[in-house]
C-alpha atoms as a PDB file:
ATOM      1  CA  UNK A   1      88.000 116.409  93.752  1.00  0.00           C
ATOM      2  CA  UNK A   2      86.944 112.989  92.323  1.00  0.00           C
ATOM      3  CA  UNK A   3      87.431 111.911  88.788  1.00  0.00           C
ATOM      4  CA  UNK A   4      88.437 116.060  88.208  1.00  0.00           C
ATOM      5  CA  UNK A   5      91.515 116.861  89.900  1.00  0.00           C
ATOM      6  CA  UNK A   6      93.915 113.875  88.509  1.00  0.00           C
ATOM      7  CA  UNK A   7      97.812 114.598  88.121  1.00  0.00           C
ATOM      8  CA  UNK A   8      97.464 116.375  85.334  1.00  0.00           C
ATOM      9  CA  UNK A   9      94.760 118.701  86.381  1.00  0.00           C
ATOM     10  CA  UNK A  10      96.963 119.487  89.788  1.00  0.00           C
ATOM     11  CA  UNK A  11     100.362 119.959  87.767  1.00  0.00           C
ATOM     12  CA  UNK A  12      98.287 122.112  85.574  1.00  0.00           C
ATOM     13  CA  UNK A  13      97.024 124.239  88.190  1.00  0.00           C
ATOM     14  CA  UNK A  14     100.184 124.428  90.062  1.00  0.00           C
ATOM     15  CA  UNK A  15     101.924 125.583  87.101  1.00  0.00           C
ATOM     16  CA  UNK A  16      99.784 128.471  86.027  1.00  0.00           C
ATOM     17  CA  UNK A  17      98.148 129.557  89.152  1.00  0.00           C
ATOM     18  CA  UNK A  18     100.334 127.790  91.859  1.00  0.00           C
ATOM     19  CA  UNK A  19      99.416 129.166  95.448  1.00  0.00           C
ATOM     20  CA  UNK A  20      98.355 126.116  97.297  1.00  0.00           C
ATOM     21  CA  UNK A  21     100.774 124.838 100.022  1.00  0.00           C
ATOM     22  CA  UNK A  22      99.412 121.164  99.723  1.00  0.00           C
ATOM     23  CA  UNK A  23      97.350 119.122  97.038  1.00  0.00           C
ATOM     24  CA  UNK A  24      95.216 116.353  98.056  1.00  0.00           C
ATOM     25  CA  UNK A  25      94.873 113.066  95.528  1.00  0.00           C
ATOM     26  CA  UNK A  26      91.656 111.941  94.813  1.00  0.00           C
ATOM     27  CA  UNK A  27      90.876 109.147  97.130  1.00  0.00           C
ATOM     28  CA  UNK A  28      92.098 105.355  96.763  1.00  0.00           C
ATOM     29  CA  UNK A  29      89.635 102.755  98.266  1.00  0.00           C
ATOM     30  CA  UNK A  30      91.655 101.084 100.574  1.00  0.00           C
ATOM     31  CA  UNK A  31      90.600  97.352 101.068  1.00  0.00           C
ATOM     32  CA  UNK A  32      92.005  94.161 101.143  1.00  0.00           C
ATOM     33  CA  UNK A  33      90.185  93.270  97.967  1.00  0.00           C
ATOM     34  CA  UNK A  34      91.671  96.373  96.128  1.00  0.00           C
ATOM     35  CA  UNK A  35      93.342  95.466  92.504  1.00  0.00           C
ATOM     36  CA  UNK A  36      95.670  98.341  93.056  1.00  0.00           C
ATOM     37  CA  UNK A  37      99.206  97.332  92.707  1.00  0.00           C
ATOM     38  CA  UNK A  38     102.254  99.233  94.442  1.00  0.00           C
ATOM     39  CA  UNK A  39     103.953  99.870  91.230  1.00  0.00           C
ATOM     40  CA  UNK A  40     100.435 101.356  89.756  1.00  0.00           C
ATOM     41  CA  UNK A  41     100.575 103.540  92.546  1.00  0.00           C
ATOM     42  CA  UNK A  42     104.620 104.442  91.888  1.00  0.00           C
ATOM     43  CA  UNK A  43     103.761 105.157  88.259  1.00  0.00           C
ATOM     44  CA  UNK A  44     100.375 107.425  88.811  1.00  0.00           C
ATOM     45  CA  UNK A  45     102.327 109.218  91.499  1.00  0.00           C
ATOM     46  CA  UNK A  46     105.559 109.689  89.753  1.00  0.00           C
ATOM     47  CA  UNK A  47     103.993 111.791  87.131  1.00  0.00           C
ATOM     48  CA  UNK A  48     103.311 114.498  90.052  1.00  0.00           C
ATOM     49  CA  UNK A  49     105.462 117.941  89.502  1.00  0.00           C
ATOM     50  CA  UNK A  50     107.729 117.332  92.442  1.00  0.00           C
ATOM     51  CA  UNK A  51     107.232 120.902  93.522  1.00  0.00           C
ATOM     52  CA  UNK A  52     103.914 119.678  94.657  1.00  0.00           C
ATOM     53  CA  UNK A  53     103.627 118.359  98.162  1.00  0.00           C
ATOM     54  CA  UNK A  54     100.428 115.663  97.319  1.00  0.00           C
ATOM     55  CA  UNK A  55      98.526 114.118 100.160  1.00  0.00           C
ATOM     56  CA  UNK A  56      97.063 110.800  98.978  1.00  0.00           C
ATOM     57  CA  UNK A  57      93.865 110.117 100.615  1.00  0.00           C
ATOM     58  CA  UNK A  58      92.222 106.749 101.746  1.00  0.00           C
ATOM     59  CA  UNK A  59      88.536 105.960 101.656  1.00  0.00           C
ATOM     60  CA  UNK A  60      88.048 102.599 104.075  1.00  0.00           C
ATOM     61  CA  UNK A  61      86.116 101.176 106.671  1.00  0.00           C
ATOM     62  CA  UNK A  62      88.769  98.208 106.592  1.00  0.00           C
ATOM     63  CA  UNK A  63      91.126  98.693 109.419  1.00  0.00           C
ATOM     64  CA  UNK A  64      93.741  96.138 107.482  1.00  0.00           C
ATOM     65  CA  UNK A  65      93.017  97.464 104.051  1.00  0.00           C
ATOM     66  CA  UNK A  66      93.779 101.116 105.758  1.00  0.00           C
ATOM     67  CA  UNK A  67      97.098  99.954 106.810  1.00  0.00           C
ATOM     68  CA  UNK A  68      97.801  98.133 104.218  1.00  0.00           C
ATOM     69  CA  UNK A  69      97.488 101.083 101.904  1.00  0.00           C
ATOM     70  CA  UNK A  70      99.059 103.442 104.320  1.00  0.00           C
ATOM     71  CA  UNK A  71     101.911 101.574 104.881  1.00  0.00           C
ATOM     72  CA  UNK A  72     102.451 101.477 101.089  1.00  0.00           C
ATOM     73  CA  UNK A  73     102.345 105.054 100.774  1.00  0.00           C
ATOM     74  CA  UNK A  74     104.642 105.807 103.690  1.00  0.00           C
ATOM     75  CA  UNK A  75     106.962 103.131 101.952  1.00  0.00           C
ATOM     76  CA  UNK A  76     106.602 105.273  98.483  1.00  0.00           C
ATOM     77  CA  UNK A  77     108.061 108.247 100.354  1.00  0.00           C
ATOM     78  CA  UNK A  78     104.288 110.155 101.753  1.00  0.00           C
ATOM     79  CA  UNK A  79     104.876 111.529 105.272  1.00  0.00           C
ATOM     80  CA  UNK A  80     101.141 112.579 105.503  1.00  0.00           C
ATOM     81  CA  UNK A  81      98.008 110.606 104.678  1.00  0.00           C
ATOM     82  CA  UNK A  82      94.465 111.552 104.794  1.00  0.00           C
ATOM     83  CA  UNK A  83      91.645 109.327 105.999  1.00  0.00           C
ATOM     84  CA  UNK A  84      88.038 110.524 104.287  1.00  0.00           C
ATOM     85  CA  UNK A  85      85.490 110.405 106.719  1.00  0.00           C
ATOM     86  CA  UNK A  86      84.031 113.208 104.534  1.00  0.00           C
ATOM     87  CA  UNK A  87      82.691 111.896 101.257  1.00  0.00           C
ATOM     88  CA  UNK A  88      79.070 112.588 101.469  1.00  0.00           C
ATOM     89  CA  UNK A  89      77.707 110.479  98.477  1.00  0.00           C
ATOM     90  CA  UNK A  90      74.765 107.568  99.426  1.00  0.00           C
ATOM     91  CA  UNK A  91      76.815 105.048  97.054  1.00  0.00           C
ATOM     92  CA  UNK A  92      79.495 105.536  99.522  1.00  0.00           C
ATOM     93  CA  UNK A  93      78.112 106.111 102.919  1.00  0.00           C
ATOM     94  CA  UNK A  94      75.713 103.154 102.592  1.00  0.00           C
ATOM     95  CA  UNK A  95      78.596 101.010 102.948  1.00  0.00           C
ATOM     96  CA  UNK A  96      79.854 102.836 106.198  1.00  0.00           C
ATOM     97  CA  UNK A  97      82.424 104.335 104.486  1.00  0.00           C
ATOM     98  CA  UNK A  98      83.294 108.456 104.273  1.00  0.00           C
ATOM     99  CA  UNK A  99      80.360 110.322 106.256  1.00  0.00           C
ATOM    100  CA  UNK A 100      78.679 106.763 106.486  1.00  0.00           C
ATOM    101  CA  UNK A 101      81.193 105.787 109.223  1.00  0.00           C
ATOM    102  CA  UNK A 102      80.493 108.977 111.448  1.00  0.00           C
ATOM    103  CA  UNK A 103      77.255 107.393 113.258  1.00  0.00           C
ATOM    104  CA  UNK A 104      79.757 104.622 114.429  1.00  0.00           C
ATOM    105  CA  UNK A 105      82.265 106.344 116.786  1.00  0.00           C
ATOM    106  CA  UNK A 106      83.556 102.828 117.850  1.00  0.00           C
ATOM    107  CA  UNK A 107      84.265 101.581 114.543  1.00  0.00           C
ATOM    108  CA  UNK A 108      86.440 105.275 113.822  1.00  0.00           C
ATOM    109  CA  UNK A 109      88.119 104.407 117.442  1.00  0.00           C
ATOM    110  CA  UNK A 110      89.254 100.257 116.761  1.00  0.00           C
ATOM    111  CA  UNK A 111      90.424 101.662 113.115  1.00  0.00           C
ATOM    112  CA  UNK A 112      92.891 104.253 114.702  1.00  0.00           C
ATOM    113  CA  UNK A 113      94.098 101.938 117.057  1.00  0.00           C
ATOM    114  CA  UNK A 114      94.769  99.697 114.807  1.00  0.00           C
ATOM    115  CA  UNK A 115      96.628 101.795 112.616  1.00  0.00           C
ATOM    116  CA  UNK A 116      98.196 104.411 114.031  1.00  0.00           C
ATOM    117  CA  UNK A 117     101.096 102.640 115.853  1.00  0.00           C
ATOM    118  CA  UNK A 118     102.146 100.902 112.695  1.00  0.00           C
ATOM    119  CA  UNK A 119     102.347 103.685 109.709  1.00  0.00           C
ATOM    120  CA  UNK A 120     105.464 105.886 109.681  1.00  0.00           C
ATOM    121  CA  UNK A 121     103.242 108.866 107.877  1.00  0.00           C
ATOM    122  CA  UNK A 122     101.395 111.182 109.791  1.00  0.00           C
ATOM    123  CA  UNK A 123      97.695 110.903 109.504  1.00  0.00           C
ATOM    124  CA  UNK A 124      95.205 113.544 108.740  1.00  0.00           C
ATOM    125  CA  UNK A 125      91.587 113.137 108.796  1.00  0.00           C
ATOM    126  CA  UNK A 126      89.047 115.100 106.876  1.00  0.00           C
ATOM    127  CA  UNK A 127      85.571 115.109 108.419  1.00  0.00           C
ATOM    128  CA  UNK A 128      81.745 116.320 108.203  1.00  0.00           C
ATOM    129  CA  UNK A 129      79.847 117.288 111.083  1.00  0.00           C
ATOM    130  CA  UNK A 130      78.209 113.921 110.454  1.00  0.00           C
ATOM    131  CA  UNK A 131      75.787 111.793 108.236  1.00  0.00           C
ATOM    132  CA  UNK A 132      72.230 113.284 109.073  1.00  0.00           C
ATOM    133  CA  UNK A 133      72.965 114.974 112.289  1.00  0.00           C
ATOM    134  CA  UNK A 134      75.422 117.759 113.070  1.00  0.00           C
ATOM    135  CA  UNK A 135      76.078 116.438 116.548  1.00  0.00           C
ATOM    136  CA  UNK A 136      77.245 113.265 115.307  1.00  0.00           C
ATOM    137  CA  UNK A 137      80.908 114.706 115.491  1.00  0.00           C
ATOM    138  CA  UNK A 138      80.676 115.487 119.214  1.00  0.00           C
ATOM    139  CA  UNK A 139      81.514 111.916 120.408  1.00  0.00           C
ATOM    140  CA  UNK A 140      84.053 111.698 117.675  1.00  0.00           C
ATOM    141  CA  UNK A 141      86.080 114.581 119.148  1.00  0.00           C
ATOM    142  CA  UNK A 142      87.326 112.971 122.168  1.00  0.00           C
ATOM    143  CA  UNK A 143      88.350 110.041 120.208  1.00  0.00           C
ATOM    144  CA  UNK A 144      90.428 112.172 117.508  1.00  0.00           C
ATOM    145  CA  UNK A 145      92.246 113.958 120.570  1.00  0.00           C
ATOM    146  CA  UNK A 146      93.226 110.402 121.619  1.00  0.00           C
ATOM    147  CA  UNK A 147      95.708 110.127 118.919  1.00  0.00           C
ATOM    148  CA  UNK A 148      98.418 111.891 117.380  1.00  0.00           C
ATOM    149  CA  UNK A 149      96.986 112.814 114.147  1.00  0.00           C
ATOM    150  CA  UNK A 150      98.598 115.584 111.682  1.00  0.00           C
ATOM    151  CA  UNK A 151      95.485 117.607 111.579  1.00  0.00           C
ATOM    152  CA  UNK A 152      91.600 117.350 111.309  1.00  0.00           C
ATOM    153  CA  UNK A 153      89.733 119.107 108.241  1.00  0.00           C
ATOM    154  CA  UNK A 154      86.238 119.790 108.805  1.00  0.00           C
ATOM    155  CA  UNK A 155      83.737 120.418 106.226  1.00  0.00           C
ATOM    156  CA  UNK A 156      80.700 121.704 108.332  1.00  0.00           C
ATOM    157  CA  UNK A 157      77.634 119.972 106.551  1.00  0.00           C
ATOM    158  CA  UNK A 158      76.384 116.936 107.428  1.00  0.00           C
ATOM    159  CA  UNK A 159      76.411 114.408 104.594  1.00  0.00           C
ATOM    160  CA  UNK A 160      72.545 114.703 103.709  1.00  0.00           C
ATOM    161  CA  UNK A 161      73.267 118.156 102.504  1.00  0.00           C
ATOM    162  CA  UNK A 162      75.608 117.490 100.043  1.00  0.00           C
ATOM    163  CA  UNK A 163      76.814 120.647  98.851  1.00  0.00           C
ATOM    164  CA  UNK A 164      73.609 122.275  99.257  1.00  0.00           C
ATOM    165  CA  UNK A 165      72.473 124.997 101.683  1.00  0.00           C
ATOM    166  CA  UNK A 166      75.124 127.108 103.657  1.00  0.00           C
ATOM    167  CA  UNK A 167      77.969 125.706 105.874  1.00  0.00           C
ATOM    168  CA  UNK A 168      77.508 126.063 109.211  1.00  0.00           C
ATOM    169  CA  UNK A 169      80.259 128.367 110.470  1.00  0.00           C
ATOM    170  CA  UNK A 170      78.438 128.798 114.085  1.00  0.00           C
ATOM    171  CA  UNK A 171      78.669 125.374 114.991  1.00  0.00           C
ATOM    172  CA  UNK A 172      82.109 124.897 113.386  1.00  0.00           C
ATOM    173  CA  UNK A 173      82.662 127.831 115.894  1.00  0.00           C
ATOM    174  CA  UNK A 174      81.779 125.912 118.761  1.00  0.00           C
ATOM    175  CA  UNK A 175      83.530 122.284 118.070  1.00  0.00           C
ATOM    176  CA  UNK A 176      86.743 123.331 116.421  1.00  0.00           C
ATOM    177  CA  UNK A 177      88.337 124.445 119.773  1.00  0.00           C
ATOM    178  CA  UNK A 178      87.430 121.263 121.321  1.00  0.00           C
ATOM    179  CA  UNK A 179      89.756 119.548 118.781  1.00  0.00           C
ATOM    180  CA  UNK A 180      93.162 119.007 120.244  1.00  0.00           C
ATOM    181  CA  UNK A 181      94.873 118.934 116.647  1.00  0.00           C
ATOM    182  CA  UNK A 182      95.476 121.786 113.891  1.00  0.00           C
ATOM    183  CA  UNK A 183      92.136 122.461 112.633  1.00  0.00           C
ATOM    184  CA  UNK A 184      91.627 123.275 108.641  1.00  0.00           C
ATOM    185  CA  UNK A 185      88.040 124.735 107.503  1.00  0.00           C
ATOM    186  CA  UNK A 186      87.111 123.598 104.190  1.00  0.00           C
ATOM    187  CA  UNK A 187      83.483 124.484 102.231  1.00  0.00           C
ATOM    188  CA  UNK A 188      82.265 127.277  99.905  1.00  0.00           C
ATOM    189  CA  UNK A 189      85.670 129.097  99.668  1.00  0.00           C
ATOM    190  CA  UNK A 190      85.856 131.325  96.856  1.00  0.00           C
ATOM    191  CA  UNK A 191      86.671 134.504  97.533  1.00  0.00           C
ATOM    192  CA  UNK A 192      89.718 136.267  98.897  1.00  0.00           C
ATOM    193  CA  UNK A 193      87.671 138.359 101.723  1.00  0.00           C
ATOM    194  CA  UNK A 194      86.060 134.942 103.183  1.00  0.00           C
ATOM    195  CA  UNK A 195      89.470 133.741 104.311  1.00  0.00           C
ATOM    196  CA  UNK A 196      90.387 137.298 105.920  1.00  0.00           C
ATOM    197  CA  UNK A 197      86.872 137.035 107.885  1.00  0.00           C
ATOM    198  CA  UNK A 198      87.320 133.689 109.025  1.00  0.00           C
ATOM    199  CA  UNK A 199      91.031 134.619 110.135  1.00  0.00           C
ATOM    200  CA  UNK A 200      89.501 137.226 112.140  1.00  0.00           C
ATOM    201  CA  UNK A 201      86.452 134.777 113.288  1.00  0.00           C
ATOM    202  CA  UNK A 202      88.417 131.399 113.763  1.00  0.00           C
ATOM    203  CA  UNK A 203      91.366 132.430 115.923  1.00  0.00           C
ATOM    204  CA  UNK A 204      94.126 129.597 115.998  1.00  0.00           C
ATOM    205  CA  UNK A 205      92.884 128.048 112.804  1.00  0.00           C
ATOM    206  CA  UNK A 206      95.659 126.456 111.016  1.00  0.00           C
ATOM    207  CA  UNK A 207      94.254 126.919 107.226  1.00  0.00           C
ATOM    208  CA  UNK A 208      91.777 126.581 104.552  1.00  0.00           C
ATOM    209  CA  UNK A 209      90.961 123.822 101.946  1.00  0.00           C
ATOM    210  CA  UNK A 210      89.593 124.738  98.851  1.00  0.00           C
ATOM    211  CA  UNK A 211      88.068 122.236  96.346  1.00  0.00           C
ATOM    212  CA  UNK A 212      84.981 123.327  93.988  1.00  0.00           C
ATOM    213  CA  UNK A 213      86.308 127.157  94.749  1.00  0.00           C
ATOM    214  CA  UNK A 214      89.448 126.473  92.642  1.00  0.00           C
ATOM    215  CA  UNK A 215      87.194 125.524  89.882  1.00  0.00           C
ATOM    216  CA  UNK A 216      85.016 128.679  90.214  1.00  0.00           C
ATOM    217  CA  UNK A 217      87.217 130.867  90.850  1.00  0.00           C
ATOM    218  CA  UNK A 218      90.961 129.553  89.788  1.00  0.00           C
ATOM    219  CA  UNK A 219      92.575 133.156  90.741  1.00  0.00           C
ATOM    220  CA  UNK A 220      91.472 132.170  94.670  1.00  0.00           C
ATOM    221  CA  UNK A 221      95.032 131.130  95.484  1.00  0.00           C
ATOM    222  CA  UNK A 222      96.465 134.295  93.808  1.00  0.00           C
ATOM    223  CA  UNK A 223      94.337 136.681  95.242  1.00  0.00           C
ATOM    224  CA  UNK A 224      94.818 135.578  98.789  1.00  0.00           C
ATOM    225  CA  UNK A 225      98.689 135.987  98.071  1.00  0.00           C
ATOM    226  CA  UNK A 226      97.870 139.624  96.921  1.00  0.00           C
ATOM    227  CA  UNK A 227      98.176 138.929  93.262  1.00  0.00           C
ATOM    228  CA  UNK A 228      96.038 141.111  91.152  1.00  0.00           C
ATOM    229  CA  UNK A 229      95.825 140.977  87.317  1.00  0.00           C
ATOM    230  CA  UNK A 230      94.247 142.991  84.656  1.00  0.00           C
ATOM    231  CA  UNK A 231      90.849 141.786  82.821  1.00  0.00           C
ATOM    232  CA  UNK A 232      93.005 140.721  80.006  1.00  0.00           C
ATOM    233  CA  UNK A 233      95.830 139.363  81.898  1.00  0.00           C
ATOM    234  CA  UNK A 234      93.019 137.305  83.973  1.00  0.00           C
ATOM    235  CA  UNK A 235      91.286 135.747  80.769  1.00  0.00           C
ATOM    236  CA  UNK A 236      94.889 134.981  79.062  1.00  0.00           C
ATOM    237  CA  UNK A 237      95.688 133.347  81.941  1.00  0.00           C
ATOM    238  CA  UNK A 238      92.618 131.169  82.245  1.00  0.00           C
ATOM    239  CA  UNK A 239      92.494 130.593  78.673  1.00  0.00           C
ATOM    240  CA  UNK A 240      95.784 128.996  78.789  1.00  0.00           C
ATOM    241  CA  UNK A 241      95.133 126.978  81.936  1.00  0.00           C
ATOM    242  CA  UNK A 242      91.418 125.593  80.307  1.00  0.00           C
ATOM    243  CA  UNK A 243      93.124 124.563  76.607  1.00  0.00           C
ATOM    244  CA  UNK A 244      96.077 122.906  78.523  1.00  0.00           C
ATOM    245  CA  UNK A 245      93.451 120.743  80.185  1.00  0.00           C
ATOM    246  CA  UNK A 246      91.396 120.454  77.101  1.00  0.00           C
ATOM    247  CA  UNK A 247      93.775 119.282  74.749  1.00  0.00           C
ATOM    248  CA  UNK A 248      95.264 116.778  76.860  1.00  0.00           C
ATOM    249  CA  UNK A 249      92.012 115.282  77.603  1.00  0.00           C
ATOM    250  CA  UNK A 250      91.098 114.978  74.249  1.00  0.00           C
ATOM    251  CA  UNK A 251      94.339 113.414  73.391  1.00  0.00           C
ATOM    252  CA  UNK A 252      93.815 110.756  75.847  1.00  0.00           C
ATOM    253  CA  UNK A 253      90.335 110.226  75.155  1.00  0.00           C
ATOM    254  CA  UNK A 254      89.290 107.246  73.564  1.00  0.00           C
ATOM    255  CA  UNK A 255      85.962 108.625  72.012  1.00  0.00           C
ATOM    256  CA  UNK A 256      84.373 112.092  71.572  1.00  0.00           C
ATOM    257  CA  UNK A 257      81.498 111.888  73.768  1.00  0.00           C
ATOM    258  CA  UNK A 258      83.554 110.824  76.789  1.00  0.00           C
ATOM    259  CA  UNK A 259      85.850 113.471  76.525  1.00  0.00           C
ATOM    260  CA  UNK A 260      83.099 116.097  75.889  1.00  0.00           C
ATOM    261  CA  UNK A 261      81.347 114.630  78.789  1.00  0.00           C
ATOM    262  CA  UNK A 262      84.383 115.286  81.243  1.00  0.00           C
ATOM    263  CA  UNK A 263      85.022 118.955  80.089  1.00  0.00           C
ATOM    264  CA  UNK A 264      81.245 119.448  80.476  1.00  0.00           C
ATOM    265  CA  UNK A 265      81.604 118.411  84.174  1.00  0.00           C
ATOM    266  CA  UNK A 266      84.273 120.619  84.512  1.00  0.00           C
ATOM    267  CA  UNK A 267      82.162 123.859  82.934  1.00  0.00           C
ATOM    268  CA  UNK A 268      79.547 122.993  85.533  1.00  0.00           C
ATOM    269  CA  UNK A 269      82.091 124.654  87.477  1.00  0.00           C
ATOM    270  CA  UNK A 270      84.216 127.017  85.183  1.00  0.00           C
ATOM    271  CA  UNK A 271      81.022 128.464  83.766  1.00  0.00           C
ATOM    272  CA  UNK A 272      80.506 130.321  87.434  1.00  0.00           C
ATOM    273  CA  UNK A 273      83.408 132.067  86.840  1.00  0.00           C
ATOM    274  CA  UNK A 274      81.763 134.426  84.255  1.00  0.00           C
ATOM    275  CA  UNK A 275      78.949 136.731  84.100  1.00  0.00           C
ATOM    276  CA  UNK A 276      76.293 135.103  82.246  1.00  0.00           C
ATOM    277  CA  UNK A 277      77.852 132.114  82.883  1.00  0.00           C
ATOM    278  CA  UNK A 278      74.422 129.912  83.095  1.00  0.00           C
ATOM    279  CA  UNK A 279      74.345 130.800  79.481  1.00  0.00           C
ATOM    280  CA  UNK A 280      77.811 129.608  78.326  1.00  0.00           C
ATOM    281  CA  UNK A 281      76.938 126.370  79.965  1.00  0.00           C
ATOM    282  CA  UNK A 282      73.705 126.027  78.574  1.00  0.00           C
ATOM    283  CA  UNK A 283      75.129 126.199  74.823  1.00  0.00           C
ATOM    284  CA  UNK A 284      77.968 123.831  75.970  1.00  0.00           C
ATOM    285  CA  UNK A 285      76.183 121.363  77.305  1.00  0.00           C
ATOM    286  CA  UNK A 286      73.967 120.700  74.199  1.00  0.00           C
ATOM    287  CA  UNK A 287      77.036 120.318  72.045  1.00  0.00           C
ATOM    288  CA  UNK A 288      78.227 116.965  70.619  1.00  0.00           C
ATOM    289  CA  UNK A 289      80.581 118.007  68.271  1.00  0.00           C
ATOM    290  CA  UNK A 290      84.297 118.776  69.672  1.00  0.00           C
ATOM    291  CA  UNK A 291      85.218 121.130  67.149  1.00  0.00           C
ATOM    292  CA  UNK A 292      81.956 123.264  67.699  1.00  0.00           C
ATOM    293  CA  UNK A 293      82.896 122.838  71.738  1.00  0.00           C
ATOM    294  CA  UNK A 294      86.129 124.150  71.080  1.00  0.00           C
ATOM    295  CA  UNK A 295      85.214 126.952  69.035  1.00  0.00           C
ATOM    296  CA  UNK A 296      82.284 127.922  71.374  1.00  0.00           C
ATOM    297  CA  UNK A 297      84.979 128.011  74.398  1.00  0.00           C
ATOM    298  CA  UNK A 298      87.232 130.044  72.278  1.00  0.00           C
ATOM    299  CA  UNK A 299      84.351 132.919  71.861  1.00  0.00           C
ATOM    300  CA  UNK A 300      83.594 132.620  75.552  1.00  0.00           C
ATOM    301  CA  UNK A 301      87.371 133.359  76.588  1.00  0.00           C
ATOM    302  CA  UNK A 302      87.290 136.668  73.962  1.00  0.00           C
ATOM    303  CA  UNK A 303      83.896 137.972  75.210  1.00  0.00           C
ATOM    304  CA  UNK A 304      83.177 137.199  78.819  1.00  0.00           C
ATOM    305  CA  UNK A 305      83.606 138.867  81.807  1.00  0.00           C
ATOM    306  CA  UNK A 306      85.313 137.366  84.728  1.00  0.00           C
ATOM    307  CA  UNK A 307      82.791 137.346  88.149  1.00  0.00           C
ATOM    308  CA  UNK A 308      85.953 137.212  90.461  1.00  0.00           C
END
């Protein structure tokens, strides 16, 4: 998740919860005009726990820029790279990036034709059903099937939905068997029971991508893998996770308001982990003093009941 699942977040989640076979990095804007340098990429990725299998993610409609960054990442040792055709936010889509490229299958074809023969790393694609219409994915499927892709990750919403409403599992069930590559389901996975149900419903599916669900229920990977904790164990584990993030971001922040803004954004998801979570988030978002904020969070972990 852009701006939230940075290297420190991934390292901390892996140490305390673990369970993901791969993690996806926040996207890089892959353009020939990008100011990002190789040495900056090396420095950024070198901080990652080597046990984590990281998939760099590119956001682009620029074939030359895509090839440039994909080649750089391949040279840095990454053997899989993801092309983001799923980002739904208007500031991205209006530039025909992310889901904004879905109404233009010919451009997707041209970019894949340009980069696939020249990059050593395997290419993964994350895609939505469409920009405004779920049927926009239909003419894209034969194009994806033309190329040797590592996998296709499908979030069964249109970009116009953002993250509202429900995922369209029925339409996903229609389209995913048409894709010749391994398919991964993404969207609204919060409980282990959902994974069990989809295993039965979507025969042959490769796996599942979990984004916001790992914020709302950070125990999701533990639960899917059969691990259980007592209430006190779970709260202690969650508290350790949270305050590792809290103290790190506080130490790196240049001002209190910036730090609190980031923590409040995290708590917009974390609060959903708890019964009466709305009241906790309401209280936290009105606090502009770092000490009071920290004390309030401590009280939440002392008294709260986990939902998941």
